[in-house]
């Protein structure tokens, strides 16, 4: 993973890397999302088996995916009583829209900060001028 935008621009950055960066996900989270897309709704236990990880590890990954909005859970009833959860991935096109929106919001915020740099620099220059007098 790159540490700066400067490095990101110069690195061979893949779509997966960009999604991890924008949504704050880990490689395992991306693998879990892909597994849900290919297999359909899964329990945390079933996902853990597919990923060759413990259920608790799969569950943590699912929580990360839910937190950023690319997975949701559905409650399923058991006929004999009780319930369990299945996790469902949103469609890739929805994820693309989400990532694009996040990037656009970030871009707007960065542009606003850049514009404020002029004001901050002018204030700094005026202070320096006052100190010289």
Protein backbone atom coordinates (compact mmCIF):
# COMPACT_ATOMS: atom_id res chain seq x y z
CA UNK A 1 0.00 0.00 0.00
CA UNK A 2 1.29 3.44 -0.90
CA UNK A 3 1.67 6.11 1.76
CA UNK A 4 0.89 9.26 -0.22
CA UNK A 5 -1.02 10.50 -3.23
CA UNK A 6 2.32 11.33 -4.83
CA UNK A 7 3.35 7.66 -4.54
CA UNK A 8 -0.09 6.52 -5.68
CA UNK A 9 0.14 8.52 -8.91
CA UNK A 10 3.51 7.03 -9.75
CA UNK A 11 2.76 3.46 -8.66
CA UNK A 12 1.05 0.81 -10.73
CA UNK A 13 -2.22 1.26 -8.89
CA UNK A 14 -5.00 -1.27 -9.53
CA UNK A 15 -8.76 -0.79 -9.14
CA UNK A 16 -8.68 -3.05 -6.08
CA UNK A 17 -6.03 -0.84 -4.47
CA UNK A 18 -8.09 2.26 -5.16
CA UNK A 19 -11.21 0.70 -3.61
CA UNK A 20 -9.23 -0.33 -0.52
CA UNK A 21 -7.82 3.18 -0.21
CA UNK A 22 -11.11 5.04 -0.76
CA UNK A 23 -13.25 2.80 1.43
CA UNK A 24 -10.60 1.97 4.05
CA UNK A 25 -10.72 -1.77 3.43
CA UNK A 26 -8.12 -4.54 3.71
CA UNK A 27 -7.27 -7.24 1.18
CA UNK A 28 -9.28 -9.79 3.15
CA UNK A 29 -12.31 -7.49 3.04
CA UNK A 30 -12.05 -7.33 -0.77
CA UNK A 31 -11.72 -11.12 -0.91
CA UNK A 32 -14.83 -11.44 1.27
CA UNK A 33 -16.76 -9.06 -0.97
CA UNK A 34 -15.74 -11.06 -4.06
CA UNK A 35 -16.76 -14.32 -2.37
CA UNK A 36 -20.18 -12.88 -1.54
CA UNK A 37 -20.60 -11.70 -5.12
CA UNK A 38 -19.72 -15.07 -6.60
CA UNK A 39 -21.50 -17.27 -4.03
CA UNK A 40 -24.49 -15.13 -3.14
CA UNK A 41 -25.67 -14.61 0.46
CA UNK A 42 -23.50 -16.40 3.03
CA UNK A 43 -23.27 -16.81 6.77
CA UNK A 44 -20.08 -15.69 8.49
CA UNK A 45 -19.22 -19.34 9.04
CA UNK A 46 -19.64 -20.25 5.36
CA UNK A 47 -17.64 -17.20 4.30
CA UNK A 48 -14.87 -18.21 6.71
CA UNK A 49 -14.74 -21.64 5.10
CA UNK A 50 -14.47 -20.13 1.61
CA UNK A 51 -11.72 -17.75 2.73
CA UNK A 52 -9.96 -20.46 4.78
CA UNK A 53 -10.23 -18.26 7.87
CA UNK A 54 -11.87 -18.55 11.26
CA UNK A 55 -15.50 -17.48 11.52
CA UNK A 56 -14.50 -14.61 13.80
CA UNK A 57 -12.05 -13.29 11.19
CA UNK A 58 -14.70 -13.51 8.47
CA UNK A 59 -17.14 -11.75 10.81
CA UNK A 60 -14.70 -8.85 11.41
CA UNK A 61 -14.27 -8.49 7.66
CA UNK A 62 -18.05 -8.49 7.21
CA UNK A 63 -18.35 -5.75 9.83
CA UNK A 64 -15.82 -3.65 7.89
CA UNK A 65 -17.81 -4.18 4.69
CA UNK A 66 -21.10 -3.31 6.40
CA UNK A 67 -19.58 -0.16 7.93
CA UNK A 68 -18.62 1.18 4.51
CA UNK A 69 -21.93 0.13 2.95
CA UNK A 70 -20.91 -2.54 0.44
CA UNK A 71 -22.49 -5.44 2.36
CA UNK A 72 -25.71 -5.73 4.33
CA UNK A 73 -27.12 -8.51 6.45
CA UNK A 74 -30.48 -10.21 6.29
CA UNK A 75 -32.16 -12.15 9.07
CA UNK A 76 -33.29 -15.66 8.16
CA UNK A 77 -35.77 -17.62 10.29
CA UNK A 78 -35.28 -21.23 11.24
CA UNK A 79 -38.54 -23.22 11.03
CA UNK A 80 -37.89 -24.95 14.34
CA UNK A 81 -37.32 -21.57 15.99
CA UNK A 82 -34.52 -19.06 16.04
CA UNK A 83 -32.74 -17.15 13.32
CA UNK A 84 -29.38 -16.59 11.67
CA UNK A 85 -27.80 -13.89 9.54
CA UNK A 86 -26.80 -14.03 5.91
CA UNK A 87 -24.60 -11.37 4.39
CA UNK A 88 -25.23 -9.94 0.94
CA UNK A 89 -22.88 -7.86 -1.24
CA UNK A 90 -24.21 -4.87 -3.13
CA UNK A 91 -23.83 -5.01 -6.90
CA UNK A 92 -20.46 -3.90 -8.31
CA UNK A 93 -22.10 -0.99 -10.14
CA UNK A 94 -23.44 0.30 -6.81
CA UNK A 95 -19.96 0.01 -5.31
CA UNK A 96 -18.52 1.89 -8.27
CA UNK A 97 -21.05 4.69 -7.74
CA UNK A 98 -20.21 4.79 -4.02
CA UNK A 99 -16.46 4.94 -4.64
CA UNK A 100 -16.90 7.62 -7.30
CA UNK A 101 -19.06 9.72 -4.94
CA UNK A 102 -16.45 9.40 -2.16
CA UNK A 103 -13.66 10.47 -4.52
CA UNK A 104 -15.68 13.43 -5.77
CA UNK A 105 -16.47 14.56 -2.21
CA UNK A 106 -12.81 14.20 -1.25
CA UNK A 107 -11.77 16.17 -4.34
CA UNK A 108 -14.16 19.01 -3.44
CA UNK A 109 -12.86 19.11 0.13
CA UNK A 110 -9.24 19.16 -1.05
CA UNK A 111 -10.00 21.95 -3.52
CA UNK A 112 -11.63 23.97 -0.74
CA UNK A 113 -8.54 23.50 1.43
CA UNK A 114 -6.28 24.50 -1.44
CA UNK A 115 -8.31 27.68 -1.94
CA UNK A 116 -7.99 28.45 1.76
CA UNK A 117 -4.22 28.12 1.44
CA UNK A 118 -4.17 31.48 -0.37
CA UNK A 119 -5.95 33.14 2.55
CA UNK A 120 -3.63 31.50 5.08
CA UNK A 121 -0.54 32.44 3.07
CA UNK A 122 -1.72 36.05 2.75
CA UNK A 123 -2.29 36.27 6.51
CA UNK A 124 1.17 34.82 7.12
CA UNK A 125 2.78 37.26 4.68
CA UNK A 126 0.95 40.21 6.27
CA UNK A 127 2.17 39.13 9.72
CA UNK A 128 5.72 38.89 8.44
CA UNK A 129 5.41 42.37 6.89
CA UNK A 130 4.07 43.78 10.19
CA UNK A 131 6.97 42.26 12.09
CA UNK A 132 9.46 43.91 9.73
CA UNK A 133 7.99 47.39 10.37
